[in-house]
Full PDB file with SEQRES, HELIX, SHEET, SSBOND, CRYST1, ORIGX, SCALE, CONECT and MASTER records, all heavy atoms in Angstrom:
SEQRES   1 A   41  LEU PRO ALA TYR TYR GLU LEU ILE LEU PRO TYR LEU GLY          
SEQRES   2 A   41  GLY ALA PRO ALA ALA ASP LEU LYS VAL LEU SER LYS ASP          
SEQRES   3 A   41  ASP VAL ASN MET ASN VAL SER THR PHE VAL THR LEU ARG          
SEQRES   4 A   41  ARG ASP                                                      
HELIX    1 AA1 TYR A    4  ILE A    8  1                                   5    
HELIX    2 AA2 LEU A    9  GLY A   14  5                                   6    
HELIX    3 AA3 ALA A   17  LEU A   23  1                                   7    
HELIX    4 AA4 SER A   24  ASP A   26  5                                   3    
HELIX    5 AA5 VAL A   32  PHE A   35  1                                   4    
CRYST1    1.000    1.000    1.000  90.00  90.00  90.00 P 1           1          
ORIGX1      1.000000  0.000000  0.000000        0.00000                         
ORIGX2      0.000000  1.000000  0.000000        0.00000                         
ORIGX3      0.000000  0.000000  1.000000        0.00000                         
SCALE1      1.000000  0.000000  0.000000        0.00000                         
SCALE2      0.000000  1.000000  0.000000        0.00000                         
SCALE3      0.000000  0.000000  1.000000        0.00000                         
ATOM      1  N   LEU A   1      22.519 -23.600  -8.036  1.00  0.00           N  
ATOM      2  CA  LEU A   1      21.529 -24.581  -8.466  1.00  0.00           C  
ATOM      3  C   LEU A   1      21.382 -24.433  -9.943  1.00  0.00           C  
ATOM      4  O   LEU A   1      21.514 -23.396 -10.523  1.00  0.00           O  
ATOM      5  CB  LEU A   1      20.208 -24.306  -7.811  1.00  0.00           C  
ATOM      6  CG  LEU A   1      20.130 -24.448  -6.257  1.00  0.00           C  
ATOM      7  CD1 LEU A   1      18.797 -24.066  -5.767  1.00  0.00           C  
ATOM      8  CD2 LEU A   1      20.488 -25.884  -5.835  1.00  0.00           C  
ATOM      9  N   PRO A   2      21.074 -25.547 -10.673  1.00  0.00           N  
ATOM     10  CA  PRO A   2      20.865 -25.486 -12.131  1.00  0.00           C  
ATOM     11  C   PRO A   2      19.765 -24.499 -12.535  1.00  0.00           C  
ATOM     12  O   PRO A   2      19.797 -23.943 -13.610  1.00  0.00           O  
ATOM     13  CB  PRO A   2      20.452 -26.917 -12.509  1.00  0.00           C  
ATOM     14  CG  PRO A   2      21.039 -27.781 -11.355  1.00  0.00           C  
ATOM     15  CD  PRO A   2      20.989 -26.911 -10.137  1.00  0.00           C  
ATOM     16  N   ALA A   3      18.781 -24.301 -11.627  1.00  0.00           N  
ATOM     17  CA  ALA A   3      17.579 -23.422 -12.006  1.00  0.00           C  
ATOM     18  C   ALA A   3      17.994 -21.981 -11.982  1.00  0.00           C  
ATOM     19  O   ALA A   3      17.261 -21.116 -12.407  1.00  0.00           O  
ATOM     20  CB  ALA A   3      16.459 -23.704 -10.985  1.00  0.00           C  
ATOM     21  N   TYR A   4      19.151 -21.603 -11.443  1.00  0.00           N  
ATOM     22  CA  TYR A   4      19.543 -20.190 -11.265  1.00  0.00           C  
ATOM     23  C   TYR A   4      19.530 -19.490 -12.612  1.00  0.00           C  
ATOM     24  O   TYR A   4      19.010 -18.360 -12.742  1.00  0.00           O  
ATOM     25  CB  TYR A   4      20.963 -20.058 -10.693  1.00  0.00           C  
ATOM     26  CG  TYR A   4      21.450 -18.693 -10.573  1.00  0.00           C  
ATOM     27  CD1 TYR A   4      20.964 -17.821  -9.676  1.00  0.00           C  
ATOM     28  CD2 TYR A   4      22.388 -18.159 -11.527  1.00  0.00           C  
ATOM     29  CE1 TYR A   4      21.408 -16.517  -9.553  1.00  0.00           C  
ATOM     30  CE2 TYR A   4      22.879 -16.859 -11.431  1.00  0.00           C  
ATOM     31  CZ  TYR A   4      22.361 -16.048 -10.478  1.00  0.00           C  
ATOM     32  OH  TYR A   4      22.823 -14.738 -10.398  1.00  0.00           O  
ATOM     33  N   TYR A   5      20.032 -20.107 -13.669  1.00  0.00           N  
ATOM     34  CA  TYR A   5      20.065 -19.490 -14.996  1.00  0.00           C  
ATOM     35  C   TYR A   5      18.633 -19.108 -15.438  1.00  0.00           C  
ATOM     36  O   TYR A   5      18.380 -18.017 -16.010  1.00  0.00           O  
ATOM     37  CB  TYR A   5      20.772 -20.392 -15.967  1.00  0.00           C  
ATOM     38  CG  TYR A   5      20.692 -19.786 -17.389  1.00  0.00           C  
ATOM     39  CD1 TYR A   5      21.417 -18.737 -17.764  1.00  0.00           C  
ATOM     40  CD2 TYR A   5      19.901 -20.461 -18.393  1.00  0.00           C  
ATOM     41  CE1 TYR A   5      21.309 -18.211 -19.086  1.00  0.00           C  
ATOM     42  CE2 TYR A   5      19.818 -19.934 -19.667  1.00  0.00           C  
ATOM     43  CZ  TYR A   5      20.501 -18.827 -19.975  1.00  0.00           C  
ATOM     44  OH  TYR A   5      20.425 -18.315 -21.230  1.00  0.00           O  
ATOM     45  N   GLU A   6      17.692 -20.023 -15.310  1.00  0.00           N  
ATOM     46  CA  GLU A   6      16.330 -19.807 -15.737  1.00  0.00           C  
ATOM     47  C   GLU A   6      15.670 -18.643 -14.874  1.00  0.00           C  
ATOM     48  O   GLU A   6      14.932 -17.861 -15.430  1.00  0.00           O  
ATOM     49  CB  GLU A   6      15.480 -21.078 -15.560  1.00  0.00           C  
ATOM     50  CG  GLU A   6      15.908 -22.184 -16.490  1.00  0.00           C  
ATOM     51  CD  GLU A   6      15.833 -21.802 -17.966  1.00  0.00           C  
ATOM     52  OE1 GLU A   6      14.905 -21.094 -18.384  1.00  0.00           O  
ATOM     53  OE2 GLU A   6      16.721 -22.299 -18.745  1.00  0.00           O  
ATOM     54  N   LEU A   7      16.053 -18.553 -13.613  1.00  0.00           N  
ATOM     55  CA  LEU A   7      15.506 -17.498 -12.789  1.00  0.00           C  
ATOM     56  C   LEU A   7      16.074 -16.131 -13.228  1.00  0.00           C  
ATOM     57  O   LEU A   7      15.295 -15.164 -13.241  1.00  0.00           O  
ATOM     58  CB  LEU A   7      15.802 -17.800 -11.367  1.00  0.00           C  
ATOM     59  CG  LEU A   7      15.211 -19.036 -10.726  1.00  0.00           C  
ATOM     60  CD1 LEU A   7      15.807 -19.302  -9.343  1.00  0.00           C  
ATOM     61  CD2 LEU A   7      13.733 -18.855 -10.579  1.00  0.00           C  
ATOM     62  N   ILE A   8      17.309 -16.062 -13.462  1.00  0.00           N  
ATOM     63  CA  ILE A   8      17.999 -14.774 -13.809  1.00  0.00           C  
ATOM     64  C   ILE A   8      17.869 -14.350 -15.260  1.00  0.00           C  
ATOM     65  O   ILE A   8      18.023 -13.242 -15.630  1.00  0.00           O  
ATOM     66  CB  ILE A   8      19.465 -14.842 -13.329  1.00  0.00           C  
ATOM     67  CG1 ILE A   8      20.086 -13.430 -13.124  1.00  0.00           C  
ATOM     68  CG2 ILE A   8      20.325 -15.625 -14.315  1.00  0.00           C  
ATOM     69  CD1 ILE A   8      19.792 -12.831 -11.762  1.00  0.00           C  
ATOM     70  N   LEU A   9      17.476 -15.357 -16.117  1.00  0.00           N  
ATOM     71  CA  LEU A   9      17.455 -15.120 -17.563  1.00  0.00           C  
ATOM     72  C   LEU A   9      16.712 -13.857 -18.016  1.00  0.00           C  
ATOM     73  O   LEU A   9      17.257 -13.098 -18.817  1.00  0.00           O  
ATOM     74  CB  LEU A   9      16.826 -16.402 -18.275  1.00  0.00           C  
ATOM     75  CG  LEU A   9      16.720 -16.347 -19.739  1.00  0.00           C  
ATOM     76  CD1 LEU A   9      18.078 -16.226 -20.406  1.00  0.00           C  
ATOM     77  CD2 LEU A   9      16.019 -17.554 -20.244  1.00  0.00           C  
ATOM     78  N   PRO A  10      15.511 -13.522 -17.527  1.00  0.00           N  
ATOM     79  CA  PRO A  10      14.878 -12.332 -17.981  1.00  0.00           C  
ATOM     80  C   PRO A  10      15.649 -11.071 -17.706  1.00  0.00           C  
ATOM     81  O   PRO A  10      15.416  -9.995 -18.338  1.00  0.00           O  
ATOM     82  CB  PRO A  10      13.507 -12.278 -17.275  1.00  0.00           C  
ATOM     83  CG  PRO A  10      13.345 -13.727 -16.763  1.00  0.00           C  
ATOM     84  CD  PRO A  10      14.665 -14.263 -16.555  1.00  0.00           C  
ATOM     85  N   TYR A  11      16.520 -11.078 -16.751  1.00  0.00           N  
ATOM     86  CA  TYR A  11      17.250  -9.887 -16.281  1.00  0.00           C  
ATOM     87  C   TYR A  11      18.645  -9.805 -16.826  1.00  0.00           C  
ATOM     88  O   TYR A  11      19.359  -8.829 -16.577  1.00  0.00           O  
ATOM     89  CB  TYR A  11      17.318  -9.870 -14.772  1.00  0.00           C  
ATOM     90  CG  TYR A  11      15.922  -9.995 -14.168  1.00  0.00           C  
ATOM     91  CD1 TYR A  11      15.482 -11.205 -13.666  1.00  0.00           C  
ATOM     92  CD2 TYR A  11      15.051  -8.928 -14.094  1.00  0.00           C  
ATOM     93  CE1 TYR A  11      14.160 -11.356 -13.176  1.00  0.00           C  
ATOM     94  CE2 TYR A  11      13.786  -9.022 -13.574  1.00  0.00           C  
ATOM     95  CZ  TYR A  11      13.339 -10.223 -13.129  1.00  0.00           C  
ATOM     96  OH  TYR A  11      12.089 -10.356 -12.610  1.00  0.00           O  
ATOM     97  N   LEU A  12      19.093 -10.811 -17.635  1.00  0.00           N  
ATOM     98  CA  LEU A  12      20.503 -10.818 -18.121  1.00  0.00           C  
ATOM     99  C   LEU A  12      20.941  -9.647 -18.993  1.00  0.00           C  
ATOM    100  O   LEU A  12      22.115  -9.378 -19.187  1.00  0.00           O  
ATOM    101  CB  LEU A  12      20.795 -12.158 -18.829  1.00  0.00           C  
ATOM    102  CG  LEU A  12      21.007 -13.366 -17.954  1.00  0.00           C  
ATOM    103  CD1 LEU A  12      21.232 -14.554 -18.785  1.00  0.00           C  
ATOM    104  CD2 LEU A  12      22.190 -13.136 -16.996  1.00  0.00           C  
ATOM    105  N   GLY A  13      19.964  -8.954 -19.506  1.00  0.00           N  
ATOM    106  CA  GLY A  13      20.271  -7.751 -20.367  1.00  0.00           C  
ATOM    107  C   GLY A  13      21.014  -6.645 -19.628  1.00  0.00           C  
ATOM    108  O   GLY A  13      21.570  -5.774 -20.163  1.00  0.00           O  
ATOM    109  N   GLY A  14      21.008  -6.785 -18.277  1.00  0.00           N  
ATOM    110  CA  GLY A  14      21.716  -5.819 -17.449  1.00  0.00           C  
ATOM    111  C   GLY A  14      22.954  -6.370 -16.762  1.00  0.00           C  
ATOM    112  O   GLY A  14      23.515  -5.721 -15.881  1.00  0.00           O  
ATOM    113  N   ALA A  15      23.331  -7.560 -17.130  1.00  0.00           N  
ATOM    114  CA  ALA A  15      24.467  -8.263 -16.441  1.00  0.00           C  
ATOM    115  C   ALA A  15      25.839  -7.636 -16.869  1.00  0.00           C  
ATOM    116  O   ALA A  15      26.097  -7.478 -18.071  1.00  0.00           O  
ATOM    117  CB  ALA A  15      24.475  -9.745 -16.773  1.00  0.00           C  
ATOM    118  N   PRO A  16      26.676  -7.354 -15.888  1.00  0.00           N  
ATOM    119  CA  PRO A  16      28.032  -6.925 -16.250  1.00  0.00           C  
ATOM    120  C   PRO A  16      28.902  -8.058 -16.739  1.00  0.00           C  
ATOM    121  O   PRO A  16      28.545  -9.257 -16.502  1.00  0.00           O  
ATOM    122  CB  PRO A  16      28.587  -6.361 -14.936  1.00  0.00           C  
ATOM    123  CG  PRO A  16      27.752  -7.072 -13.845  1.00  0.00           C  
ATOM    124  CD  PRO A  16      26.431  -7.355 -14.462  1.00  0.00           C  
ATOM    125  N   ALA A  17      29.947  -7.820 -17.410  1.00  0.00           N  
ATOM    126  CA  ALA A  17      30.825  -8.811 -17.950  1.00  0.00           C  
ATOM    127  C   ALA A  17      31.339  -9.850 -16.923  1.00  0.00           C  
ATOM    128  O   ALA A  17      31.363 -11.008 -17.213  1.00  0.00           O  
ATOM    129  CB  ALA A  17      32.024  -8.197 -18.720  1.00  0.00           C  
ATOM    130  N   ALA A  18      31.667  -9.357 -15.750  1.00  0.00           N  
ATOM    131  CA  ALA A  18      32.190 -10.226 -14.676  1.00  0.00           C  
ATOM    132  C   ALA A  18      31.179 -11.326 -14.314  1.00  0.00           C  
ATOM    133  O   ALA A  18      31.535 -12.480 -14.218  1.00  0.00           O  
ATOM    134  CB  ALA A  18      32.509  -9.459 -13.450  1.00  0.00           C  
ATOM    135  N   ASP A  19      29.934 -11.038 -14.334  1.00  0.00           N  
ATOM    136  CA  ASP A  19      28.858 -11.971 -13.986  1.00  0.00           C  
ATOM    137  C   ASP A  19      28.653 -12.938 -15.169  1.00  0.00           C  
ATOM    138  O   ASP A  19      28.381 -14.129 -15.017  1.00  0.00           O  
ATOM    139  CB  ASP A  19      27.525 -11.273 -13.653  1.00  0.00           C  
ATOM    140  CG  ASP A  19      27.621 -10.574 -12.295  1.00  0.00           C  
ATOM    141  OD1 ASP A  19      28.703 -10.528 -11.627  1.00  0.00           O  
ATOM    142  OD2 ASP A  19      26.550 -10.042 -11.874  1.00  0.00           O  
ATOM    143  N   LEU A  20      28.730 -12.448 -16.425  1.00  0.00           N  
ATOM    144  CA  LEU A  20      28.647 -13.328 -17.578  1.00  0.00           C  
ATOM    145  C   LEU A  20      29.784 -14.300 -17.609  1.00  0.00           C  
ATOM    146  O   LEU A  20      29.626 -15.458 -18.010  1.00  0.00           O  
ATOM    147  CB  LEU A  20      28.599 -12.518 -18.846  1.00  0.00           C  
ATOM    148  CG  LEU A  20      27.294 -11.647 -19.016  1.00  0.00           C  
ATOM    149  CD1 LEU A  20      27.441 -10.761 -20.240  1.00  0.00           C  
ATOM    150  CD2 LEU A  20      26.051 -12.448 -19.046  1.00  0.00           C  
ATOM    151  N   LYS A  21      31.008 -13.883 -17.206  1.00  0.00           N  
ATOM    152  CA  LYS A  21      32.175 -14.722 -17.223  1.00  0.00           C  
ATOM    153  C   LYS A  21      31.986 -15.888 -16.229  1.00  0.00           C  
ATOM    154  O   LYS A  21      32.292 -16.999 -16.533  1.00  0.00           O  
ATOM    155  CB  LYS A  21      33.437 -13.897 -16.882  1.00  0.00           C  
ATOM    156  CG  LYS A  21      33.873 -12.946 -18.026  1.00  0.00           C  
ATOM    157  CD  LYS A  21      35.044 -12.093 -17.567  1.00  0.00           C  
ATOM    158  CE  LYS A  21      35.366 -11.099 -18.629  1.00  0.00           C  
ATOM    159  NZ  LYS A  21      36.313 -11.574 -19.609  1.00  0.00           N  
ATOM    160  N   VAL A  22      31.441 -15.511 -15.048  1.00  0.00           N  
ATOM    161  CA  VAL A  22      31.098 -16.588 -14.081  1.00  0.00           C  
ATOM    162  C   VAL A  22      30.021 -17.552 -14.612  1.00  0.00           C  
ATOM    163  O   VAL A  22      30.205 -18.771 -14.513  1.00  0.00           O  
ATOM    164  CB  VAL A  22      30.640 -15.990 -12.755  1.00  0.00           C  
ATOM    165  CG1 VAL A  22      30.109 -16.989 -11.760  1.00  0.00           C  
ATOM    166  CG2 VAL A  22      31.814 -15.193 -12.141  1.00  0.00           C  
ATOM    167  N   LEU A  23      29.060 -16.997 -15.228  1.00  0.00           N  
ATOM    168  CA  LEU A  23      27.953 -17.812 -15.782  1.00  0.00           C  
ATOM    169  C   LEU A  23      28.431 -18.714 -16.888  1.00  0.00           C  
ATOM    170  O   LEU A  23      27.949 -19.854 -17.059  1.00  0.00           O  
ATOM    171  CB  LEU A  23      26.861 -16.876 -16.299  1.00  0.00           C  
ATOM    172  CG  LEU A  23      25.469 -17.450 -16.465  1.00  0.00           C  
ATOM    173  CD1 LEU A  23      24.887 -18.011 -15.168  1.00  0.00           C  
ATOM    174  CD2 LEU A  23      24.488 -16.380 -17.002  1.00  0.00           C  
ATOM    175  N   SER A  24      29.452 -18.332 -17.585  1.00  0.00           N  
ATOM    176  CA  SER A  24      29.992 -19.112 -18.735  1.00  0.00           C  
ATOM    177  C   SER A  24      30.627 -20.445 -18.253  1.00  0.00           C  
ATOM    178  O   SER A  24      30.746 -21.354 -19.015  1.00  0.00           O  
ATOM    179  CB  SER A  24      31.025 -18.284 -19.502  1.00  0.00           C  
ATOM    180  OG  SER A  24      32.243 -18.236 -18.825  1.00  0.00           O  
ATOM    181  N   LYS A  25      30.895 -20.532 -16.998  1.00  0.00           N  
ATOM    182  CA  LYS A  25      31.522 -21.707 -16.406  1.00  0.00           C  
ATOM    183  C   LYS A  25      30.427 -22.777 -15.994  1.00  0.00           C  
ATOM    184  O   LYS A  25      30.749 -23.846 -15.647  1.00  0.00           O  
ATOM    185  CB  LYS A  25      32.355 -21.399 -15.163  1.00  0.00           C  
ATOM    186  CG  LYS A  25      33.527 -20.516 -15.528  1.00  0.00           C  
ATOM    187  CD  LYS A  25      34.316 -20.110 -14.304  1.00  0.00           C  
ATOM    188  CE  LYS A  25      35.421 -19.152 -14.727  1.00  0.00           C  
ATOM    189  NZ  LYS A  25      35.863 -18.274 -13.693  1.00  0.00           N  
ATOM    190  N   ASP A  26      29.156 -22.342 -16.137  1.00  0.00           N  
ATOM    191  CA  ASP A  26      28.045 -23.222 -15.706  1.00  0.00           C  
ATOM    192  C   ASP A  26      27.361 -23.949 -16.788  1.00  0.00           C  
ATOM    193  O   ASP A  26      26.327 -24.531 -16.580  1.00  0.00           O  
ATOM    194  CB  ASP A  26      27.021 -22.404 -14.889  1.00  0.00           C  
ATOM    195  CG  ASP A  26      27.558 -21.863 -13.562  1.00  0.00           C  
ATOM    196  OD1 ASP A  26      28.542 -22.401 -13.092  1.00  0.00           O  
ATOM    197  OD2 ASP A  26      26.983 -20.856 -13.091  1.00  0.00           O  
ATOM    198  N   ASP A  27      27.911 -23.874 -18.071  1.00  0.00           N  
ATOM    199  CA  ASP A  27      27.263 -24.533 -19.206  1.00  0.00           C  
ATOM    200  C   ASP A  27      25.759 -24.308 -19.271  1.00  0.00           C  
ATOM    201  O   ASP A  27      24.956 -25.231 -19.179  1.00  0.00           O  
ATOM    202  CB  ASP A  27      27.542 -26.089 -19.107  1.00  0.00           C  
ATOM    203  CG  ASP A  27      29.044 -26.415 -19.136  1.00  0.00           C  
ATOM    204  OD1 ASP A  27      29.724 -25.741 -19.934  1.00  0.00           O  
ATOM    205  OD2 ASP A  27      29.448 -27.276 -18.407  1.00  0.00           O  
ATOM    206  N   VAL A  28      25.365 -23.013 -19.462  1.00  0.00           N  
ATOM    207  CA  VAL A  28      24.004 -22.692 -19.407  1.00  0.00           C  
ATOM    208  C   VAL A  28      23.242 -22.852 -20.718  1.00  0.00           C  
ATOM    209  O   VAL A  28      22.005 -22.836 -20.764  1.00  0.00           O  
ATOM    210  CB  VAL A  28      23.789 -21.200 -18.870  1.00  0.00           C  
ATOM    211  CG1 VAL A  28      24.212 -21.084 -17.422  1.00  0.00           C  
ATOM    212  CG2 VAL A  28      24.534 -20.254 -19.729  1.00  0.00           C  
ATOM    213  N   ASN A  29      23.938 -23.047 -21.834  1.00  0.00           N  
ATOM    214  CA  ASN A  29      23.359 -23.260 -23.155  1.00  0.00           C  
ATOM    215  C   ASN A  29      22.384 -22.093 -23.536  1.00  0.00           C  
ATOM    216  O   ASN A  29      21.188 -22.316 -23.816  1.00  0.00           O  
ATOM    217  CB  ASN A  29      22.638 -24.545 -23.228  1.00  0.00           C  
ATOM    218  CG  ASN A  29      23.563 -25.718 -23.212  1.00  0.00           C  
ATOM    219  OD1 ASN A  29      24.598 -25.693 -23.876  1.00  0.00           O  
ATOM    220  ND2 ASN A  29      23.300 -26.728 -22.425  1.00  0.00           N  
ATOM    221  N   MET A  30      22.931 -20.858 -23.458  1.00  0.00           N  
ATOM    222  CA  MET A  30      22.135 -19.698 -23.727  1.00  0.00           C  
ATOM    223  C   MET A  30      21.799 -19.625 -25.240  1.00  0.00           C  
ATOM    224  O   MET A  30      22.580 -20.006 -26.095  1.00  0.00           O  
ATOM    225  CB  MET A  30      22.984 -18.402 -23.386  1.00  0.00           C  
ATOM    226  CG  MET A  30      22.344 -17.120 -23.639  1.00  0.00           C  
ATOM    227  SD  MET A  30      23.480 -15.711 -23.332  1.00  0.00           S  
ATOM    228  CE  MET A  30      23.569 -15.773 -21.509  1.00  0.00           C  
ATOM    229  N   ASN A  31      20.590 -19.272 -25.509  1.00  0.00           N  
ATOM    230  CA  ASN A  31      20.181 -19.069 -26.941  1.00  0.00           C  
ATOM    231  C   ASN A  31      20.939 -17.938 -27.553  1.00  0.00           C  
ATOM    232  O   ASN A  31      21.193 -16.918 -26.826  1.00  0.00           O  
ATOM    233  CB  ASN A  31      18.664 -18.772 -27.014  1.00  0.00           C  
ATOM    234  CG  ASN A  31      17.795 -20.004 -26.776  1.00  0.00           C  
ATOM    235  OD1 ASN A  31      18.206 -21.112 -27.048  1.00  0.00           O  
ATOM    236  ND2 ASN A  31      16.674 -19.716 -26.107  1.00  0.00           N  
ATOM    237  N   VAL A  32      21.212 -17.991 -28.808  1.00  0.00           N  
ATOM    238  CA  VAL A  32      21.943 -16.836 -29.480  1.00  0.00           C  
ATOM    239  C   VAL A  32      21.019 -15.595 -29.480  1.00  0.00           C  
ATOM    240  O   VAL A  32      21.584 -14.509 -29.272  1.00  0.00           O  
ATOM    241  CB  VAL A  32      22.312 -17.246 -30.930  1.00  0.00           C  
ATOM    242  CG1 VAL A  32      22.961 -16.077 -31.648  1.00  0.00           C  
ATOM    243  CG2 VAL A  32      23.236 -18.400 -30.940  1.00  0.00           C  
ATOM    244  N   SER A  33      19.720 -15.737 -29.590  1.00  0.00           N  
ATOM    245  CA  SER A  33      18.848 -14.625 -29.497  1.00  0.00           C  
ATOM    246  C   SER A  33      18.933 -13.880 -28.178  1.00  0.00           C  
ATOM    247  O   SER A  33      18.809 -12.642 -28.065  1.00  0.00           O  
ATOM    248  CB  SER A  33      17.419 -14.986 -29.809  1.00  0.00           C  
ATOM    249  OG  SER A  33      17.005 -16.009 -28.957  1.00  0.00           O  
ATOM    250  N   THR A  34      19.257 -14.620 -27.062  1.00  0.00           N  
ATOM    251  CA  THR A  34      19.417 -13.961 -25.754  1.00  0.00           C  
ATOM    252  C   THR A  34      20.854 -13.308 -25.714  1.00  0.00           C  
ATOM    253  O   THR A  34      20.976 -12.247 -25.281  1.00  0.00           O  
ATOM    254  CB  THR A  34      19.320 -15.081 -24.667  1.00  0.00           C  
ATOM    255  OG1 THR A  34      18.028 -15.620 -24.684  1.00  0.00           O  
ATOM    256  CG2 THR A  34      19.595 -14.476 -23.257  1.00  0.00           C  
ATOM    257  N   PHE A  35      21.808 -14.053 -26.276  1.00  0.00           N  
ATOM    258  CA  PHE A  35      23.165 -13.570 -26.282  1.00  0.00           C  
ATOM    259  C   PHE A  35      23.265 -12.204 -26.955  1.00  0.00           C  
ATOM    260  O   PHE A  35      24.009 -11.327 -26.472  1.00  0.00           O  
ATOM    261  CB  PHE A  35      24.085 -14.607 -27.007  1.00  0.00           C  
ATOM    262  CG  PHE A  35      25.484 -14.205 -27.178  1.00  0.00           C  
ATOM    263  CD1 PHE A  35      26.388 -14.293 -26.047  1.00  0.00           C  
ATOM    264  CD2 PHE A  35      26.035 -13.746 -28.366  1.00  0.00           C  
ATOM    265  CE1 PHE A  35      27.697 -13.897 -26.168  1.00  0.00           C  
ATOM    266  CE2 PHE A  35      27.314 -13.416 -28.559  1.00  0.00           C  
ATOM    267  CZ  PHE A  35      28.181 -13.488 -27.418  1.00  0.00           C  
ATOM    268  N   VAL A  36      22.619 -11.991 -28.041  1.00  0.00           N  
ATOM    269  CA  VAL A  36      22.753 -10.707 -28.746  1.00  0.00           C  
ATOM    270  C   VAL A  36      22.027  -9.572 -28.102  1.00  0.00           C  
ATOM    271  O   VAL A  36      22.203  -8.435 -28.492  1.00  0.00           O  
ATOM    272  CB  VAL A  36      22.300 -10.847 -30.252  1.00  0.00           C  
ATOM    273  CG1 VAL A  36      23.195 -11.802 -31.065  1.00  0.00           C  
ATOM    274  CG2 VAL A  36      20.853 -11.198 -30.353  1.00  0.00           C  
ATOM    275  N   THR A  37      21.211  -9.870 -27.069  1.00  0.00           N  
ATOM    276  CA  THR A  37      20.566  -8.798 -26.279  1.00  0.00           C  
ATOM    277  C   THR A  37      21.286  -8.416 -24.994  1.00  0.00           C  
ATOM    278  O   THR A  37      20.823  -7.639 -24.278  1.00  0.00           O  
ATOM    279  CB  THR A  37      19.072  -9.150 -25.957  1.00  0.00           C  
ATOM    280  OG1 THR A  37      19.124 -10.343 -25.132  1.00  0.00           O  
ATOM    281  CG2 THR A  37      18.283  -9.447 -27.181  1.00  0.00           C  
ATOM    282  N   LEU A  38      22.454  -9.057 -24.757  1.00  0.00           N  
ATOM    283  CA  LEU A  38      23.215  -8.740 -23.571  1.00  0.00           C  
ATOM    284  C   LEU A  38      23.766  -7.297 -23.683  1.00  0.00           C  
ATOM    285  O   LEU A  38      23.866  -6.765 -24.779  1.00  0.00           O  
ATOM    286  CB  LEU A  38      24.388  -9.707 -23.374  1.00  0.00           C  
ATOM    287  CG  LEU A  38      23.995 -11.176 -23.177  1.00  0.00           C  
ATOM    288  CD1 LEU A  38      25.245 -12.092 -23.167  1.00  0.00           C  
ATOM    289  CD2 LEU A  38      23.203 -11.314 -21.891  1.00  0.00           C  
ATOM    290  N   ARG A  39      24.154  -6.750 -22.591  1.00  0.00           N  
ATOM    291  CA  ARG A  39      24.763  -5.414 -22.578  1.00  0.00           C  
ATOM    292  C   ARG A  39      25.951  -5.436 -23.562  1.00  0.00           C  
ATOM    293  O   ARG A  39      26.803  -6.285 -23.473  1.00  0.00           O  
ATOM    294  CB  ARG A  39      25.319  -5.070 -21.207  1.00  0.00           C  
ATOM    295  CG  ARG A  39      24.345  -4.387 -20.330  1.00  0.00           C  
ATOM    296  CD  ARG A  39      24.822  -4.166 -18.919  1.00  0.00           C  
ATOM    297  NE  ARG A  39      26.097  -3.507 -18.787  1.00  0.00           N  
ATOM    298  CZ  ARG A  39      26.668  -3.230 -17.578  1.00  0.00           C  
ATOM    299  NH1 ARG A  39      25.985  -3.489 -16.486  1.00  0.00           N  
ATOM    300  NH2 ARG A  39      27.848  -2.625 -17.516  1.00  0.00           N  
ATOM    301  N   ARG A  40      25.997  -4.440 -24.482  1.00  0.00           N  
ATOM    302  CA  ARG A  40      27.053  -4.453 -25.503  1.00  0.00           C  
ATOM    303  C   ARG A  40      28.427  -4.295 -24.817  1.00  0.00           C  
ATOM    304  O   ARG A  40      29.350  -5.020 -25.213  1.00  0.00           O  
ATOM    305  CB  ARG A  40      26.796  -3.263 -26.392  1.00  0.00           C  
ATOM    306  CG  ARG A  40      27.743  -3.259 -27.602  1.00  0.00           C  
ATOM    307  CD  ARG A  40      27.455  -2.082 -28.547  1.00  0.00           C  
ATOM    308  NE  ARG A  40      28.215  -2.224 -29.736  1.00  0.00           N  
ATOM    309  CZ  ARG A  40      29.508  -2.063 -29.873  1.00  0.00           C  
ATOM    310  NH1 ARG A  40      30.260  -1.739 -28.829  1.00  0.00           N  
ATOM    311  NH2 ARG A  40      30.153  -2.221 -31.054  1.00  0.00           N  
ATOM    312  N   ASP A  41      28.582  -3.435 -23.859  1.00  0.00           N  
ATOM    313  CA  ASP A  41      29.924  -3.285 -23.195  1.00  0.00           C  
ATOM    314  C   ASP A  41      30.366  -4.586 -22.534  1.00  0.00           C  
ATOM    315  O   ASP A  41      31.521  -4.946 -22.482  1.00  0.00           O  
ATOM    316  CB  ASP A  41      29.934  -2.101 -22.222  1.00  0.00           C  
ATOM    317  CG  ASP A  41      28.968  -2.266 -21.128  1.00  0.00           C  
ATOM    318  OD1 ASP A  41      27.897  -2.880 -21.258  1.00  0.00           O  
ATOM    319  OD2 ASP A  41      29.233  -1.706 -20.004  1.00  0.00           O  
TER     320      ASP A  41                                                      
MASTER        0    0    0    5    0    0    0    6  319    1    0    4          
END                                                                             
């Protein structure tokens, strides 16, 4: 659902790369300020 990104957004700082790769296919329009707080690895 389109709302999934908004629901999971507060928790994305713990997302593994595989999940971010899947999310990248959903055109979520993440803010850069959120992007820079993702897990570094």
